Protein backbone atom coordinates (compact mmCIF):
# COMPACT_ATOMS: atom_id res chain seq x y z
CA MET A 1 146.18 108.82 -263.22
CA THR A 2 145.24 112.57 -261.38
CA ASP A 3 148.46 113.74 -259.59
CA LEU A 4 148.04 113.74 -255.80
CA ARG A 5 151.03 115.26 -254.25
CA PRO A 6 150.63 117.82 -252.32
CA TRP A 7 154.34 118.63 -251.93
CA PRO A 8 156.88 119.86 -254.57
CA PRO A 9 159.79 118.38 -256.57
CA GLY A 10 162.58 117.43 -254.73
CA THR A 11 161.00 117.13 -251.12
CA ALA A 12 162.38 114.21 -248.64
CA THR A 13 160.77 113.19 -245.65
CA GLY A 14 161.33 110.33 -242.67
CA ILE A 15 159.84 107.00 -242.14
CA GLY A 16 158.87 107.34 -238.27
CA SER A 17 160.49 106.39 -235.47
CA MET A 18 163.53 108.50 -233.87
CA PRO A 19 165.72 107.51 -231.22
CA GLY A 20 165.19 108.98 -227.56
CA THR A 21 162.31 109.78 -225.27
CA ASP A 22 162.24 113.61 -225.90
CA ALA A 23 158.84 114.32 -227.74
CA LEU A 24 159.80 117.83 -227.94
CA GLU A 25 163.58 117.57 -229.19
CA ALA A 26 162.24 114.83 -231.59
CA ALA A 27 159.43 117.10 -233.21
CA ARG A 28 161.91 120.29 -233.47
CA ILE A 29 164.53 117.94 -235.67
CA VAL A 30 161.93 117.01 -237.88
CA ILE A 31 160.23 120.23 -238.51
CA GLY A 32 163.58 121.78 -238.90
CA GLU A 33 165.16 119.16 -241.34
CA LEU A 34 161.83 117.99 -243.04
CA PRO A 35 159.84 121.83 -243.63
CA GLN A 36 158.07 120.38 -246.62
CA LEU A 37 156.96 117.01 -245.45
CA PRO A 38 157.53 116.61 -241.61
CA HIS A 39 156.42 113.43 -240.25
CA VAL A 40 154.75 112.78 -236.50
CA PRO A 41 157.90 111.26 -234.89
CA GLU A 42 157.42 108.00 -233.22
CA LEU A 43 159.66 106.89 -230.12
CA PRO A 44 159.42 103.49 -229.46
CA ASP A 45 162.23 103.45 -226.72
CA ARG A 46 159.67 105.17 -224.13
CA GLY A 47 158.17 101.53 -224.00
CA VAL A 48 154.81 100.06 -223.70
CA GLY A 49 152.62 101.72 -225.93
CA ALA A 50 155.19 103.38 -227.66
CA ASP A 51 155.98 100.68 -230.05
CA MET A 52 154.28 100.53 -233.54
CA ILE A 53 151.90 98.05 -232.63
CA GLY A 54 151.14 99.58 -229.21
CA ARG A 55 150.69 102.86 -230.78
CA THR A 56 148.32 101.92 -233.31
CA ALA A 57 146.44 99.88 -231.04
CA ALA A 58 145.82 103.31 -229.09
CA LEU A 59 144.09 104.56 -232.49
CA LEU A 60 141.61 101.85 -232.31
CA VAL A 61 137.69 102.72 -231.93
CA ASP A 62 135.82 100.31 -229.55
CA LEU A 63 138.97 98.09 -229.18
CA ALA A 64 141.48 97.92 -226.43
CA VAL A 65 144.38 95.72 -226.02
CA GLU A 66 146.47 94.96 -223.07
CA LEU A 67 150.67 93.59 -222.87
CA VAL A 68 150.76 90.36 -221.97
CA PRO A 69 154.36 88.09 -221.88
CA SER A 70 153.96 86.87 -225.71
CA GLY A 71 152.74 90.60 -226.67
CA TYR A 72 149.58 92.74 -227.16
CA ARG A 73 146.26 91.07 -226.48
CA VAL A 74 142.76 92.06 -227.30
CA THR A 75 140.86 93.11 -223.77
CA ALA A 76 137.39 93.63 -222.82
CA ARG A 77 138.10 97.25 -221.57
CA ALA A 78 140.86 99.67 -221.80
CA GLY A 79 143.21 99.57 -219.06
CA ARG A 80 146.56 101.10 -218.04
CA ASP A 81 148.47 99.86 -221.17
CA HIS A 82 145.87 101.32 -223.55
CA ARG A 83 145.36 104.46 -221.97
CA ARG A 84 149.59 104.71 -221.71
CA GLY A 85 149.30 104.29 -225.44
CA VAL A 86 146.65 107.26 -225.50
CA ASP A 87 148.26 109.65 -223.48
CA LEU A 88 151.60 109.19 -225.25
CA LEU A 89 150.29 109.65 -228.42
CA ARG A 90 148.69 112.82 -227.16
CA SER A 91 151.67 114.32 -225.68
CA ASP A 92 153.43 113.42 -229.34
CA LEU A 93 150.93 115.77 -231.19
CA ASP A 94 151.35 118.42 -228.13
CA ALA A 95 155.32 118.40 -228.73
CA LEU A 96 154.19 118.69 -232.68
CA GLU A 97 152.28 121.47 -232.11
CA GLU A 98 154.57 123.26 -230.26
CA ALA A 99 157.57 123.02 -232.27
CA VAL A 100 155.43 124.26 -235.45
CA GLY A 101 154.55 127.16 -233.51
CA SER A 102 158.03 127.64 -232.76
CA ALA A 103 159.21 127.44 -235.98
CA GLY A 104 157.18 130.13 -237.37
CA ALA A 105 156.12 128.65 -240.33
CA ARG A 106 153.42 126.17 -240.64
CA PRO A 107 153.99 123.09 -243.09
CA GLU A 108 151.42 122.78 -245.86
CA VAL A 109 151.21 118.83 -244.97
CA VAL A 110 152.22 116.61 -242.33
CA LYS A 111 152.68 112.71 -242.52
CA LEU A 112 151.57 110.32 -239.61
CA GLN A 113 152.46 106.76 -239.57
CA ALA A 114 150.54 103.37 -238.13
CA ALA A 115 150.73 99.91 -238.65
CA GLY A 116 148.69 98.65 -241.22
CA PRO A 117 145.83 95.84 -240.86
CA TRP A 118 147.71 93.30 -241.88
CA THR A 119 150.69 93.58 -239.58
CA LEU A 120 148.63 94.65 -236.61
CA ALA A 121 146.35 91.68 -237.35
CA ALA A 122 149.57 89.37 -237.28
CA ALA A 123 150.84 90.87 -234.41
CA VAL A 124 147.70 91.17 -231.71
CA GLU A 125 146.09 88.35 -230.08
CA LEU A 126 142.45 87.61 -229.37
CA ARG A 127 141.28 86.65 -225.76
CA SER A 128 141.69 82.96 -226.68
CA GLY A 129 145.31 83.70 -227.47
CA HIS A 130 145.64 83.14 -231.37
CA LYS A 131 146.21 85.90 -233.65
CA VAL A 132 143.59 88.15 -234.87
CA LEU A 133 144.79 86.89 -238.27
CA THR A 134 142.82 83.58 -237.94
CA ASP A 135 139.63 84.91 -237.45
CA PRO A 136 137.93 86.68 -240.18
CA GLY A 137 135.10 88.50 -238.64
CA ALA A 138 137.71 89.68 -235.90
CA LEU A 139 140.19 90.80 -238.82
CA ARG A 140 136.97 92.60 -240.42
CA GLU A 141 136.05 94.33 -236.80
CA PHE A 142 139.85 95.57 -236.66
CA ALA A 143 140.12 97.05 -239.90
CA VAL A 144 136.63 98.93 -239.68
CA SER A 145 138.14 100.18 -236.37
CA LEU A 146 141.80 100.98 -237.40
CA ALA A 147 140.35 102.63 -240.45
CA GLU A 148 137.88 105.00 -237.94
CA GLY A 149 140.73 105.65 -235.68
CA LEU A 150 143.00 106.78 -238.32
CA ARG A 151 140.20 109.20 -240.07
CA ALA A 152 139.92 110.70 -236.80
CA HIS A 153 143.78 110.61 -235.81
CA ALA A 154 144.43 112.63 -239.42
CA SER A 155 141.57 115.11 -238.81
CA GLU A 156 143.10 115.97 -235.43
CA VAL A 157 146.26 116.58 -236.51
CA SER A 158 145.47 118.76 -239.78
CA ARG A 159 143.02 120.71 -237.08
CA ARG A 160 146.10 121.04 -234.32
CA LEU A 161 148.82 121.86 -236.88
CA GLY A 162 146.92 123.79 -239.62
CA ALA A 163 148.15 121.57 -242.12
CA GLY A 164 146.76 118.89 -244.51
CA ALA A 165 147.14 115.31 -243.24
CA ILE A 166 148.15 112.35 -244.87
CA VAL A 167 148.91 108.63 -243.49
CA GLN A 168 151.51 105.98 -243.91
CA LEU A 169 150.51 102.55 -243.31
CA ASP A 170 153.61 100.64 -242.22
CA GLU A 171 153.03 96.64 -243.61
CA PRO A 172 156.01 95.31 -242.44
CA GLY A 173 154.51 92.13 -241.56
CA LEU A 174 152.65 91.78 -244.69
CA PRO A 175 155.19 89.50 -246.78
CA ALA A 176 155.08 86.95 -243.84
CA VAL A 177 150.91 87.03 -243.86
CA LEU A 178 151.13 86.35 -247.98
CA ALA A 179 153.97 83.49 -247.31
CA GLY A 180 152.37 81.84 -244.62
CA GLY A 181 155.34 82.93 -242.26
CA VAL A 182 153.50 84.09 -239.27
CA PRO A 183 153.96 81.64 -236.36
CA THR A 184 151.17 80.32 -233.96
CA PRO A 185 151.07 80.59 -230.40
CA SER A 186 152.86 77.21 -229.66
CA GLY A 187 155.71 78.43 -232.03
CA PHE A 188 155.84 75.03 -233.47
CA GLY A 189 153.62 75.94 -236.63
CA THR A 190 152.48 78.98 -238.56
CA VAL A 191 149.20 80.52 -239.86
CA ALA A 192 147.98 79.57 -243.02
CA ALA A 193 149.02 82.01 -246.26
CA VAL A 194 146.11 84.48 -246.97
CA PRO A 195 145.32 84.88 -250.59
CA GLU A 196 146.29 87.98 -252.61
CA ASN A 197 142.73 89.16 -253.43
CA GLU A 198 141.86 88.97 -249.77
CA VAL A 199 145.10 90.71 -248.63
CA ALA A 200 144.30 93.58 -251.22
CA GLU A 201 140.65 93.95 -250.23
CA LEU A 202 140.91 94.10 -246.60
CA LEU A 203 143.97 96.68 -247.25
CA HIS A 204 141.99 98.57 -249.83
CA SER A 205 138.87 99.16 -247.16
CA VAL A 206 141.32 100.91 -244.80
CA LEU A 207 143.19 102.80 -247.40
CA GLU A 208 139.66 104.22 -249.09
CA ALA A 209 138.91 105.51 -245.69
CA LEU A 210 142.28 107.72 -245.61
CA PRO A 211 142.91 111.08 -246.95
CA VAL A 212 144.75 111.17 -250.27
CA PRO A 213 147.64 110.79 -251.12
CA ARG A 214 147.74 107.02 -248.99
CA ILE A 215 151.22 105.77 -248.36
CA VAL A 216 151.97 101.93 -247.78
CA HIS A 217 155.96 101.03 -246.40
CA CYS A 218 156.94 97.83 -246.74
CA CYS A 219 160.54 97.48 -245.80
CA ALA A 220 160.79 93.71 -246.95
CA PRO A 221 163.42 92.47 -249.27
CA ARG A 222 160.29 91.49 -251.59
CA PRO A 223 157.68 94.01 -251.10
CA PRO A 224 154.62 92.96 -253.02
CA LEU A 225 154.06 96.54 -254.94
CA ALA A 226 151.84 95.31 -257.77
CA LEU A 227 149.19 94.08 -254.81
CA LEU A 228 150.17 97.21 -252.70
CA ARG A 229 148.84 99.36 -255.84
CA ARG A 230 145.81 97.33 -256.40
CA ALA A 231 145.04 97.79 -252.98
CA GLY A 232 144.91 101.70 -253.45
CA ALA A 233 148.27 102.70 -252.51
CA ASP A 234 148.61 106.23 -254.04
CA VAL A 235 152.55 106.32 -252.85
CA LEU A 236 154.70 103.42 -251.74
CA ALA A 237 157.74 103.40 -249.54
CA VAL A 238 160.72 100.80 -249.81
CA ASP A 239 164.24 100.59 -249.04
CA ALA A 240 166.53 101.23 -252.17
CA GLU A 241 169.14 98.99 -250.87
CA LEU A 242 166.79 96.00 -250.37
CA LEU A 243 165.36 96.84 -254.08
CA ALA A 244 169.00 96.02 -255.58
CA GLY A 245 168.72 92.15 -254.85
CA ALA A 246 165.15 91.99 -255.43
CA PRO A 247 163.82 89.86 -258.21
CA ARG A 248 163.20 91.41 -261.66
CA ALA A 249 159.27 91.47 -260.95
CA THR A 250 159.62 93.45 -258.17
CA VAL A 251 161.80 96.17 -259.86
CA ASP A 252 159.62 96.13 -262.87
CA ALA A 253 156.46 96.57 -260.75
CA LEU A 254 158.16 99.99 -259.36
CA GLY A 255 158.89 101.03 -262.79
CA GLU A 256 154.99 100.56 -263.70
CA ALA A 257 154.13 102.64 -260.53
CA TRP A 258 156.41 105.35 -261.73
CA ASP A 259 155.09 105.05 -265.13
CA SER A 260 151.29 105.33 -263.99
CA GLY A 261 152.25 108.68 -261.80
CA VAL A 262 152.69 106.70 -258.64
CA SER A 263 155.38 108.73 -256.06
CA VAL A 264 158.01 106.50 -254.15
CA LEU A 265 159.50 107.05 -250.76
CA LEU A 266 162.89 105.51 -251.15
CA GLY A 267 165.00 104.78 -248.79
CA LEU A 268 168.39 105.74 -249.69
CA VAL A 269 170.07 107.06 -246.45
CA PRO A 270 171.22 104.66 -243.77
CA ALA A 271 169.00 104.37 -240.64
CA VAL A 272 171.97 104.02 -238.51
CA GLN A 273 175.32 105.35 -238.80
CA PRO A 274 177.23 103.08 -241.24
CA PRO A 275 181.06 102.71 -240.41
CA ALA A 276 183.83 104.54 -242.21
CA GLN A 277 183.30 104.06 -245.99
CA SER A 278 186.88 104.61 -247.08
CA SER A 279 190.21 104.91 -245.71
CA VAL A 280 191.16 107.57 -247.58
CA PRO A 281 192.57 110.88 -245.50
CA ALA A 282 190.07 113.59 -245.56
CA SER A 283 193.10 115.91 -246.58
CA VAL A 284 193.31 113.96 -250.29
CA SER A 285 191.17 116.41 -252.28
CA GLY A 286 189.10 114.86 -254.90
CA ALA A 287 189.95 111.33 -253.88
CA VAL A 288 187.13 108.55 -255.63
CA SER A 289 186.45 105.14 -254.98
CA SER A 290 186.95 102.38 -257.33
CA SER A 291 183.59 102.99 -259.21
CA GLY A 292 184.61 106.28 -259.86
CA GLN A 293 182.40 107.95 -257.55
CA PRO A 294 183.67 110.40 -255.03
CA ALA A 295 184.63 108.29 -251.81
CA ALA A 296 183.57 109.03 -248.25
CA ARG A 297 186.04 110.83 -245.90
CA ALA A 298 187.50 108.72 -243.18
CA GLY A 299 185.29 108.43 -240.23
CA GLY A 300 182.73 110.60 -242.01
CA PRO A 301 179.32 109.82 -243.55
CA PRO A 302 178.65 108.89 -246.83
CA THR A 303 178.42 111.40 -249.34
CA ARG A 304 175.58 112.67 -251.58
CA ALA A 305 176.74 110.88 -254.36
CA GLN A 306 177.16 107.35 -252.94
CA LEU A 307 173.58 107.54 -251.26
CA ALA A 308 172.32 108.85 -254.70
CA ARG A 309 173.61 105.89 -256.34
CA PRO A 310 171.10 103.30 -255.86
CA ALA A 311 168.52 105.38 -257.02
CA LEU A 312 170.45 106.68 -260.34
CA ASP A 313 171.16 102.87 -260.93
CA LEU A 314 167.34 102.03 -260.56
CA VAL A 315 166.10 104.68 -263.08
CA ASP A 316 168.74 103.80 -265.29
CA ARG A 317 168.00 100.17 -265.29
CA LEU A 318 164.40 100.80 -265.55
CA GLY A 319 164.99 103.19 -268.54
CA PHE A 320 163.62 106.24 -266.91
CA ASP A 321 165.06 109.51 -267.15
CA ARG A 322 166.42 110.85 -264.09
CA ALA A 323 164.14 113.67 -264.12
CA VAL A 324 161.71 111.34 -262.52
CA LEU A 325 163.61 111.37 -259.10
CA ALA A 326 162.80 115.22 -258.84
CA GLU A 327 159.34 114.41 -259.59
CA ARG A 328 158.19 111.00 -258.28
CA CYS A 329 161.23 110.06 -255.72
CA LEU A 330 161.19 111.43 -251.96
CA PRO A 331 164.56 110.63 -250.16
CA THR A 332 163.96 109.14 -247.13
CA PRO A 333 166.21 107.02 -244.43
CA SER A 334 166.14 103.26 -245.23
CA CYS A 335 163.93 102.58 -242.37
CA GLY A 336 162.71 103.86 -238.86
CA MET A 337 165.80 105.36 -236.91
CA ALA A 338 164.94 104.50 -233.15
CA GLY A 339 168.13 102.59 -233.44
CA ALA A 340 170.08 105.44 -234.51
CA THR A 341 171.89 108.08 -232.41
CA PRO A 342 170.55 111.42 -231.69
CA GLU A 343 173.47 112.95 -233.83
CA TRP A 344 172.93 110.45 -236.82
CA ALA A 345 168.99 110.69 -237.09
CA ARG A 346 169.32 114.46 -237.33
CA ARG A 347 172.37 114.11 -239.75
CA ALA A 348 170.15 111.42 -241.83
CA LEU A 349 167.35 113.65 -242.23
CA THR A 350 169.59 116.43 -243.51
CA LEU A 351 171.04 114.12 -246.21
CA ALA A 352 167.25 113.15 -247.12
CA ARG A 353 166.55 116.72 -247.64
CA GLU A 354 169.79 117.50 -249.63
CA LEU A 355 169.56 114.32 -251.66
CA GLY A 356 165.96 115.85 -252.48
CA GLN A 357 167.34 119.13 -253.62
CA ALA A 358 170.05 117.53 -255.71
CA PHE A 359 167.48 115.54 -257.42
CA VAL A 360 166.00 119.02 -258.62
CA ASP A 361 169.39 120.28 -259.62
CA PRO A 362 171.50 117.47 -259.88
CA PRO A 363 175.63 117.99 -259.62
CA GLY A 364 177.43 117.65 -263.02
CA SER A 365 179.30 114.87 -261.61
CA TRP A 366 175.87 112.73 -261.57
CA SER A 367 175.71 112.74 -265.39
CA SER A 368 177.19 109.28 -265.81
């Protein structure tokens, strides 16, 4: 497979969402901490139109939504809710453009995020009250509209920032679509499971319209990695902690992806600040945990060695040389950070960047 990576070894990035409501501050943090692959920050705390579904719906071409008590619903014409989503997107790009200009150095590439077609279709209702997911014609119409909107959005990001733009599709709802777990409007039933070949075909129709490399993120315990690759994902994004308890088939699918040259955004840094990892006093020099790894300081964040351990164990389990982590693994927070404190959000991105650097030049203590 052709190497599509527009980033150097050891690069880190974020998943998408950040805490708070200040778009400029979020953009400055992302640009400062993730210079090689910054992402367009999402700030769902701002409310309607800023959440993943409302934000993605604002990108749709010739389709509009409004907010009703049960969630987002298709509407005949763009109203206040839809226009709010569009305005928030525009202000986010204004903020990112200002942050890039102030930084003095433009990134080579920027990542933007949107809900994938299946997660979007499982969340948005038709005017009848039924999910878009239940209507094959509406499903195709949404996929075409989403692909067109994402193409235009990526082009605008690229033009305004003077950088390449790549897209991450977020598909947290995909496992429920495959398993028949999406609830009906009544809440007493579920929408029938969608066959894998149909899921892959529709997802492919959106991915093929996007600039490469195309990223698909699924933070479920059992992400359908083989299906995502079959649909055309060039990069997979998963939570390392959830992989630890995943079936062997899921882990093997990740190994096959690495073996074929696919890169992985690996969630290694907690999305919210973890509690103190150890009661060892900070004054105790060289303290180690029962596993032989350096212990975290009491009240402090986990160490790089602790954060890296799931990645090291994963490559060891799969039989890869650990150098694959520098070449084909981008450390990220475990998921979006809307629930984090501002202080932890900044620290988490710093830790992800430091992990990427350590994968290129690993400390001697990581040799075992």
